Amino acid sequence: MKESFSIPQRLKLLKTIVVLSLIISFCLSYRLWLSDRFFPAAPLINFDLTFKPDGILTLLSCLCLGLSLFFRFERVLLSISLLFNFLLILLDVNRLQAWFLMYNALLFILVLFNGRIDNPNRNTVIFICLQLLIISIYCCNALSNFNVFFGTDVLHPFLDKYQSSLSTRQMAFFTQVGKLLPLLIFLIGVALMFPIARYLAISLALIVHLCLFILLFPSSTNLNYAAWFVNIAFLFVLPLLFLGETKQRYFSWSVLFQKPLFYLCITLFFVFPILNVFNREANLVSINFVSYSESQKLSFDFNVNNNLPLFVRAFLNEENERAELKHKQWCLTELNSSLVNHPQVIIALNNYVQNQYFSTVKELQFNQ
C-alpha cells in the first residue's frame, strides 16, 4: 500500500467496499429477509401491523445503500439504512448474523466520516476505531472458539464432509491442525495491534481467508453463502486498514483518548463480546462471528409429522413416539444462514410446531 494513499481516500474506498458487500450478502441470503417462509420469525418486539414489512424494509435498505454510492447525501442515506437494518433485527433476532453485525458496525463508524480532509486527527481517530473493530472480530471470535463446542459443532462436522476422500491418518492430522485454528486467529488479532508484526499477521490472515474461501465455496454441503462471501470482503478490507502508513503525519495519541467514539468502540467491540464469551448468548451489542452454546433439543410428545408442511417434515427425526426437530439444519437449508443461539428463536420454533398441530385439530373438530 502506497504511503500517498491517504486515510480519507482509504475511508472512501472502504465505505464503497462495505456497501457493496452488504448488498451482495443481502442477495445471497434473501430468504432470511423475507416474511413468506416456513422457518418462523423470532421478533424481539411484537409490532401490531396488518402486514409484514420485512421485504419492504430490506428493499429500502438496499436502495439507500445503493444510492449512497452516487449521491451527495451519503451519510444520511447510510444512517437510514442502518435504521432499517436495526428494525429488521427487531422483527427477527435470527438475523443477528455475524457478517450482518460486522458490516453494520463498519458502516456505523464510517457514517461519522464527512469526507473532509481539513481535520486529519479526526480522520485518524475514525480509522483507528475501524482497525480496533477488525482486531476485535479476530480476537473475540478466537476466544469464542476456545471451548469443546468448536470441535463438536464446527470442526468435526466440517471434516466429516471429506471423510470419504481422506485416510484415517489424514483425518487425524487435519483434526489436530484444526484445533489450533482458534489460537492462530487470536494471534493474528493481537499481531495486528503492533506495526512491527502487521505484515506477518496480514499475510497469515489472507492465507486463512483464501483457504476458507475455497473450502466454504457454495455447494450442497456449504449453504451459508453470506458467511462464505465475507472472506472476499476481508481480502480488500485488511490491506486498506493495515498496510502502509496508517496515521497522519501530525497525529497525536492524546486526541484518541479525548474522543467518545474510542471508548464506545472499546465497550461495544471488546468489553461486551468478551463478556458474552462467558454467558455464550447472542447479544445485540456483540460483534462475534459465532456464539456457541449447548445444542438445545426440540422434541415433542405427539406425532407432528402429518401436521407440518412437507418441506419441514424432512427435518423431523421420530424415535420412540417422539419427534425431534433438527432446527439448525432447517435454518441453514431454508435461510442459508446459521441459527442464532437466542432463547427467542427456540420459543418461536416451539410455538410454530404446536400451532401447526393444534390448528389442524381445531379445524378437524370444526368440520365435524
Protein backbone atom coordinates (compact mmCIF):
# COMPACT_ATOMS: atom_id res chain seq x y z
CA MET A 1 0.00 0.00 0.00
CA LYS A 2 1.49 3.30 -1.10
CA GLU A 3 2.10 5.96 1.50
CA SER A 4 0.46 8.52 -0.82
CA PHE A 5 -2.81 6.62 -0.38
CA SER A 6 -4.19 8.90 2.32
CA ILE A 7 -6.57 7.99 5.12
CA PRO A 8 -9.55 9.89 3.59
CA GLN A 9 -9.04 8.00 0.34
CA ARG A 10 -8.93 4.72 2.22
CA LEU A 11 -12.11 5.59 4.13
CA LYS A 12 -13.99 6.42 0.93
CA LEU A 13 -12.90 3.20 -0.75
CA LEU A 14 -13.65 1.18 2.37
CA LYS A 15 -17.16 2.64 2.51
CA THR A 16 -17.77 1.55 -1.09
CA ILE A 17 -16.49 -1.98 -0.38
CA VAL A 18 -18.66 -2.37 2.73
CA VAL A 19 -21.79 -1.06 0.98
CA LEU A 20 -21.34 -3.40 -2.00
CA SER A 21 -20.54 -6.34 0.28
CA LEU A 22 -23.68 -5.76 2.33
CA ILE A 23 -25.90 -5.54 -0.76
CA ILE A 24 -24.40 -8.75 -2.18
CA SER A 25 -24.83 -10.50 1.19
CA PHE A 26 -28.49 -9.44 1.29
CA CYS A 27 -28.94 -11.13 -2.08
CA LEU A 28 -27.06 -14.28 -1.07
CA SER A 29 -29.29 -14.75 2.00
CA TYR A 30 -32.51 -13.30 0.59
CA ARG A 31 -34.78 -15.87 2.27
CA LEU A 32 -33.65 -14.62 5.68
CA TRP A 33 -35.12 -11.19 4.94
CA LEU A 34 -38.50 -12.30 3.62
CA SER A 35 -41.61 -12.83 5.72
CA ASP A 36 -43.04 -15.51 3.41
CA ARG A 37 -41.12 -18.59 4.58
CA PHE A 38 -41.57 -21.72 6.68
CA PHE A 39 -38.91 -21.01 9.31
CA PRO A 40 -40.71 -18.80 11.88
CA ALA A 41 -39.56 -15.30 12.72
CA ALA A 42 -38.49 -14.62 16.30
CA PRO A 43 -39.33 -10.94 16.92
CA LEU A 44 -37.81 -9.10 19.85
CA ILE A 45 -40.69 -6.64 19.81
CA ASN A 46 -44.19 -7.53 18.66
CA PHE A 47 -45.34 -4.85 16.25
CA ASP A 48 -49.11 -4.52 15.76
CA LEU A 49 -49.12 -4.30 11.98
CA THR A 50 -51.65 -5.52 9.42
CA PHE A 51 -48.85 -6.56 7.08
CA LYS A 52 -45.31 -7.91 7.37
CA PRO A 53 -42.82 -5.19 6.40
CA ASP A 54 -39.69 -7.37 6.24
CA GLY A 55 -39.35 -7.43 2.47
CA ILE A 56 -40.11 -3.71 2.12
CA LEU A 57 -37.55 -2.77 4.78
CA THR A 58 -34.93 -4.92 3.07
CA LEU A 59 -35.56 -3.33 -0.32
CA LEU A 60 -35.46 0.17 1.20
CA SER A 61 -32.21 -0.63 2.99
CA CYS A 62 -30.59 -1.90 -0.23
CA LEU A 63 -31.94 1.14 -2.10
CA CYS A 64 -30.40 3.56 0.42
CA LEU A 65 -27.11 1.66 0.30
CA GLY A 66 -27.03 1.78 -3.49
CA LEU A 67 -27.98 5.47 -3.70
CA SER A 68 -25.26 6.36 -1.18
CA LEU A 69 -22.67 5.43 -3.83
CA PHE A 70 -23.92 8.09 -6.25
CA PHE A 71 -25.48 10.98 -4.32
CA ARG A 72 -24.03 13.67 -2.07
CA PHE A 73 -26.16 12.88 0.99
CA GLU A 74 -24.45 9.56 1.51
CA ARG A 75 -24.22 9.89 5.30
CA VAL A 76 -27.98 10.46 5.58
CA LEU A 77 -28.71 7.53 3.30
CA LEU A 78 -26.36 5.23 5.21
CA SER A 79 -27.93 6.30 8.51
CA ILE A 80 -31.41 5.48 7.18
CA SER A 81 -30.12 2.09 6.00
CA LEU A 82 -28.71 1.39 9.47
CA LEU A 83 -32.11 2.22 10.97
CA PHE A 84 -33.86 -0.19 8.59
CA ASN A 85 -31.31 -2.89 9.42
CA PHE A 86 -31.94 -2.42 13.13
CA LEU A 87 -35.69 -2.78 12.57
CA LEU A 88 -35.07 -5.98 10.61
CA ILE A 89 -33.26 -7.44 13.62
CA LEU A 90 -36.12 -6.44 15.90
CA LEU A 91 -38.52 -8.28 13.58
CA ASP A 92 -36.40 -11.45 13.70
CA VAL A 93 -33.49 -11.98 16.06
CA ASN A 94 -32.22 -14.79 13.82
CA ARG A 95 -30.97 -12.02 11.51
CA LEU A 96 -28.32 -11.32 14.13
CA GLN A 97 -25.79 -12.95 11.81
CA ALA A 98 -22.09 -12.30 12.38
CA TRP A 99 -21.48 -10.92 8.89
CA PHE A 100 -24.51 -8.63 9.21
CA LEU A 101 -23.24 -7.27 12.53
CA MET A 102 -19.76 -6.72 11.11
CA TYR A 103 -20.90 -4.78 8.02
CA ASN A 104 -23.27 -2.60 10.05
CA ALA A 105 -20.63 -1.92 12.69
CA LEU A 106 -18.24 -0.78 9.96
CA LEU A 107 -20.94 1.44 8.44
CA PHE A 108 -21.78 2.88 11.86
CA ILE A 109 -18.22 4.15 12.21
CA LEU A 110 -17.90 5.17 8.55
CA VAL A 111 -21.02 7.34 8.80
CA LEU A 112 -19.03 9.63 11.09
CA PHE A 113 -16.58 10.34 8.25
CA ASN A 114 -17.74 13.51 6.48
CA GLY A 115 -15.27 13.30 3.60
CA ARG A 116 -13.32 16.41 4.63
CA ILE A 117 -9.54 16.39 4.90
CA ASP A 118 -9.05 19.61 6.90
CA ASN A 119 -9.04 17.72 10.22
CA PRO A 120 -6.56 14.85 9.84
CA ASN A 121 -6.64 13.94 13.53
CA ARG A 122 -10.39 13.31 13.38
CA ASN A 123 -9.99 11.11 10.31
CA THR A 124 -7.24 9.16 12.04
CA VAL A 125 -9.40 8.52 15.11
CA ILE A 126 -12.15 7.07 12.89
CA PHE A 127 -9.56 5.00 11.05
CA ILE A 128 -8.08 3.60 14.28
CA CYS A 129 -11.57 2.71 15.55
CA LEU A 130 -12.12 0.75 12.33
CA GLN A 131 -8.85 -1.07 12.95
CA LEU A 132 -9.97 -1.88 16.51
CA LEU A 133 -13.22 -3.31 15.17
CA ILE A 134 -11.39 -5.72 12.84
CA ILE A 135 -8.96 -6.69 15.62
CA SER A 136 -11.88 -7.39 17.95
CA ILE A 137 -13.50 -9.64 15.34
CA TYR A 138 -10.40 -11.84 15.23
CA CYS A 139 -9.71 -11.85 18.97
CA CYS A 140 -13.29 -12.31 20.20
CA ASN A 141 -14.05 -14.92 17.57
CA ALA A 142 -10.99 -16.88 18.69
CA LEU A 143 -11.98 -16.61 22.35
CA SER A 144 -15.46 -17.91 21.49
CA ASN A 145 -13.84 -20.93 19.83
CA PHE A 146 -11.75 -21.89 22.86
CA ASN A 147 -14.30 -24.47 24.03
CA VAL A 148 -15.47 -28.01 23.38
CA PHE A 149 -18.28 -26.81 21.10
CA PHE A 150 -15.80 -25.76 18.42
CA GLY A 151 -14.77 -29.37 17.87
CA THR A 152 -18.25 -30.91 18.06
CA ASP A 153 -20.25 -28.17 16.29
CA VAL A 154 -17.79 -26.88 13.69
CA LEU A 155 -14.60 -28.85 13.18
CA HIS A 156 -15.88 -32.44 13.15
CA PRO A 157 -18.99 -31.74 11.00
CA PHE A 158 -16.79 -29.86 8.53
CA LEU A 159 -14.14 -32.60 8.30
CA ASP A 160 -16.81 -35.30 8.02
CA LYS A 161 -17.66 -33.91 4.58
CA TYR A 162 -14.21 -35.00 3.37
CA GLN A 163 -14.03 -38.27 5.30
CA SER A 164 -14.63 -40.39 2.19
CA SER A 165 -11.63 -38.85 0.37
CA LEU A 166 -9.21 -38.78 3.33
CA SER A 167 -7.45 -41.62 5.09
CA THR A 168 -7.65 -42.18 8.84
CA ARG A 169 -4.18 -40.71 9.32
CA GLN A 170 -5.04 -37.63 7.23
CA MET A 171 -8.28 -37.10 9.18
CA ALA A 172 -6.36 -37.27 12.46
CA PHE A 173 -3.79 -34.78 11.13
CA PHE A 174 -6.38 -32.24 9.96
CA THR A 175 -8.29 -32.63 13.22
CA GLN A 176 -5.21 -31.74 15.25
CA VAL A 177 -4.34 -28.83 12.94
CA GLY A 178 -7.93 -27.59 13.03
CA LYS A 179 -7.86 -27.40 16.81
CA LEU A 180 -5.01 -24.88 16.53
CA LEU A 181 -7.04 -22.59 14.25
CA PRO A 182 -8.61 -20.51 17.10
CA LEU A 183 -5.12 -19.92 18.54
CA LEU A 184 -3.87 -18.78 15.12
CA ILE A 185 -6.83 -16.41 14.71
CA PHE A 186 -6.21 -14.95 18.16
CA LEU A 187 -2.51 -14.40 17.43
CA ILE A 188 -3.40 -12.67 14.15
CA GLY A 189 -5.69 -10.28 16.00
CA VAL A 190 -3.03 -9.49 18.60
CA ALA A 191 -0.29 -9.06 15.97
CA LEU A 192 -2.43 -6.55 14.05
CA MET A 193 -2.09 -4.19 17.02
CA PHE A 194 1.68 -3.86 16.53
CA PRO A 195 3.07 -2.28 13.32
CA ILE A 196 6.22 -4.42 13.54
CA ALA A 197 4.17 -7.63 13.20
CA ARG A 198 1.42 -6.44 10.88
CA TYR A 199 2.88 -7.70 7.61
CA LEU A 200 3.18 -11.21 9.01
CA ALA A 201 -0.30 -11.03 10.55
CA ILE A 202 -1.89 -9.80 7.31
CA SER A 203 -0.13 -12.49 5.30
CA LEU A 204 -1.41 -15.21 7.64
CA ALA A 205 -4.90 -13.69 7.70
CA LEU A 206 -5.10 -13.55 3.91
CA ILE A 207 -3.99 -17.19 3.69
CA VAL A 208 -6.69 -18.19 6.20
CA HIS A 209 -9.40 -16.30 4.31
CA LEU A 210 -8.27 -17.74 0.98
CA CYS A 211 -8.45 -21.26 2.43
CA LEU A 212 -11.91 -20.58 3.87
CA PHE A 213 -12.98 -19.09 0.54
CA ILE A 214 -12.05 -22.35 -1.18
CA LEU A 215 -13.27 -24.78 1.49
CA LEU A 216 -16.60 -22.98 2.10
CA PHE A 217 -17.37 -22.49 -1.58
CA PRO A 218 -21.17 -22.74 -2.06
CA SER A 219 -22.32 -26.32 -2.56
CA SER A 220 -24.93 -28.74 -1.30
CA THR A 221 -22.97 -29.06 1.94
CA ASN A 222 -21.90 -25.40 2.30
CA LEU A 223 -25.13 -23.42 2.35
CA ASN A 224 -24.16 -20.30 4.29
CA TYR A 225 -23.33 -18.20 1.24
CA ALA A 226 -23.03 -14.83 3.01
CA ALA A 227 -20.55 -16.28 5.54
CA TRP A 228 -18.52 -17.57 2.59
CA PHE A 229 -18.58 -14.20 0.83
CA VAL A 230 -17.27 -12.34 3.89
CA ASN A 231 -13.87 -13.90 3.17
CA ILE A 232 -13.78 -12.00 -0.12
CA ALA A 233 -14.55 -8.75 1.67
CA PHE A 234 -11.68 -9.32 4.11
CA LEU A 235 -9.23 -9.67 1.24
CA PHE A 236 -9.86 -5.98 0.49
CA VAL A 237 -10.58 -4.64 3.99
CA LEU A 238 -7.37 -5.89 5.64
CA PRO A 239 -4.89 -4.21 3.23
CA LEU A 240 -6.89 -0.97 3.29
CA LEU A 241 -6.85 -0.75 7.08
CA PHE A 242 -3.43 -2.08 8.00
CA LEU A 243 -0.91 -1.81 5.16
CA GLY A 244 1.25 1.26 4.55
CA GLU A 245 1.16 4.49 6.54
CA THR A 246 -1.99 4.31 8.65
CA LYS A 247 -1.58 7.51 10.67
CA GLN A 248 -1.45 11.15 9.66
CA ARG A 249 1.95 12.76 9.96
CA TYR A 250 0.98 15.08 12.82
CA PHE A 251 -1.31 12.69 14.67
CA SER A 252 -1.24 12.83 18.48
CA TRP A 253 -2.33 9.83 20.57
CA SER A 254 -3.78 12.21 23.16
CA VAL A 255 -6.51 13.10 20.65
CA LEU A 256 -7.65 9.47 20.57
CA PHE A 257 -8.33 9.40 24.30
CA GLN A 258 -10.34 12.61 24.09
CA LYS A 259 -12.87 11.16 21.65
CA PRO A 260 -16.04 9.44 22.96
CA LEU A 261 -16.03 7.26 19.83
CA PHE A 262 -12.88 5.49 21.06
CA TYR A 263 -14.46 4.48 24.37
CA LEU A 264 -17.69 3.49 22.62
CA CYS A 265 -15.76 1.17 20.29
CA ILE A 266 -13.80 -0.37 23.16
CA THR A 267 -17.06 -1.06 25.02
CA LEU A 268 -19.06 -2.41 22.08
CA PHE A 269 -16.34 -4.36 20.31
CA PHE A 270 -14.21 -5.64 23.19
CA VAL A 271 -15.94 -5.47 26.59
CA PHE A 272 -19.38 -6.81 25.60
CA PRO A 273 -18.11 -9.57 23.27
CA ILE A 274 -15.65 -10.82 25.89
CA LEU A 275 -18.43 -10.87 28.50
CA ASN A 276 -20.58 -12.86 26.09
CA VAL A 277 -17.83 -15.43 25.73
CA PHE A 278 -18.71 -16.50 29.27
CA ASN A 279 -22.52 -16.49 29.06
CA ARG A 280 -22.45 -17.71 25.42
CA GLU A 281 -25.62 -15.97 24.29
CA ALA A 282 -26.07 -13.86 21.18
CA ASN A 283 -26.40 -10.21 22.10
CA LEU A 284 -27.44 -7.18 20.13
CA VAL A 285 -24.28 -5.33 21.11
CA SER A 286 -21.79 -8.14 20.47
CA ILE A 287 -19.57 -8.33 17.42
CA ASN A 288 -18.78 -12.03 17.18
CA PHE A 289 -18.55 -14.33 14.20
CA VAL A 290 -20.29 -17.08 16.14
CA SER A 291 -21.63 -17.71 19.61
CA TYR A 292 -21.61 -21.28 20.83
CA SER A 293 -23.89 -22.83 23.37
CA GLU A 294 -25.07 -26.31 24.22
CA SER A 295 -27.20 -27.79 21.47
CA GLN A 296 -30.77 -27.47 22.72
CA LYS A 297 -33.04 -30.26 21.52
CA LEU A 298 -36.62 -29.60 20.48
CA SER A 299 -38.66 -32.76 20.94
CA PHE A 300 -42.43 -33.25 21.11
CA ASP A 301 -44.55 -35.94 22.74
CA PHE A 302 -47.13 -36.05 20.00
CA ASN A 303 -46.78 -37.07 16.39
CA VAL A 304 -46.49 -33.84 14.40
CA ASN A 305 -45.31 -35.39 11.16
CA ASN A 306 -48.68 -35.19 9.39
CA ASN A 307 -49.41 -31.66 10.59
CA LEU A 308 -46.32 -29.89 9.26
CA PRO A 309 -45.60 -28.80 5.67
CA LEU A 310 -43.84 -31.41 3.57
CA PHE A 311 -40.62 -29.36 3.46
CA VAL A 312 -40.46 -29.10 7.26
CA ARG A 313 -41.06 -32.83 7.74
CA ALA A 314 -37.62 -33.51 6.29
CA PHE A 315 -36.12 -32.01 9.45
CA LEU A 316 -38.02 -34.23 11.89
CA ASN A 317 -36.39 -37.26 13.46
CA GLU A 318 -39.02 -39.52 15.00
CA GLU A 319 -37.91 -42.05 17.61
CA ASN A 320 -39.83 -43.74 20.43
CA GLU A 321 -43.05 -41.83 19.70
CA ARG A 322 -41.23 -38.51 19.99
CA ALA A 323 -40.39 -36.12 17.18
CA GLU A 324 -37.09 -34.23 17.41
CA LEU A 325 -36.75 -31.13 15.26
CA LYS A 326 -33.34 -30.61 13.60
CA HIS A 327 -33.76 -26.84 13.71
CA LYS A 328 -30.14 -25.90 12.95
CA GLN A 329 -30.19 -27.85 9.70
CA TRP A 330 -33.64 -26.44 8.88
CA CYS A 331 -32.41 -22.88 9.31
CA LEU A 332 -29.26 -23.47 7.26
CA THR A 333 -31.15 -25.20 4.44
CA GLU A 334 -34.04 -22.78 4.09
CA LEU A 335 -32.49 -19.44 5.08
CA ASN A 336 -28.87 -20.10 4.04
CA SER A 337 -27.85 -18.79 7.45
CA SER A 338 -26.66 -20.12 10.78
CA LEU A 339 -29.10 -20.48 13.64
CA VAL A 340 -28.64 -17.76 16.26
CA ASN A 341 -28.38 -19.10 19.81
CA HIS A 342 -31.07 -16.91 21.29
CA PRO A 343 -33.95 -18.03 23.57
CA GLN A 344 -36.50 -16.18 21.43
CA VAL A 345 -35.62 -18.37 18.43
CA ILE A 346 -36.26 -21.58 20.39
CA ILE A 347 -39.56 -20.19 21.71
CA ALA A 348 -40.67 -19.25 18.19
CA LEU A 349 -39.86 -22.73 16.87
CA ASN A 350 -41.70 -24.43 19.70
CA ASN A 351 -44.77 -22.22 19.18
CA TYR A 352 -44.66 -22.84 15.44
CA VAL A 353 -44.81 -26.62 15.78
CA GLN A 354 -47.51 -26.54 18.46
CA ASN A 355 -49.63 -24.06 16.50
CA GLN A 356 -49.42 -26.24 13.41
CA TYR A 357 -50.56 -29.21 15.45
CA PHE A 358 -53.41 -27.57 17.36
CA SER A 359 -54.68 -25.58 14.37
CA THR A 360 -55.14 -28.86 12.48
CA VAL A 361 -57.02 -30.44 15.38
CA LYS A 362 -59.38 -27.46 15.72
CA GLU A 363 -60.06 -27.49 12.01
CA LEU A 364 -60.97 -31.17 12.11
CA GLN A 365 -63.28 -30.66 15.08
CA PHE A 366 -64.93 -27.70 13.38
CA ASN A 367 -65.56 -29.70 10.19
CA GLN A 368 -67.25 -32.43 12.19
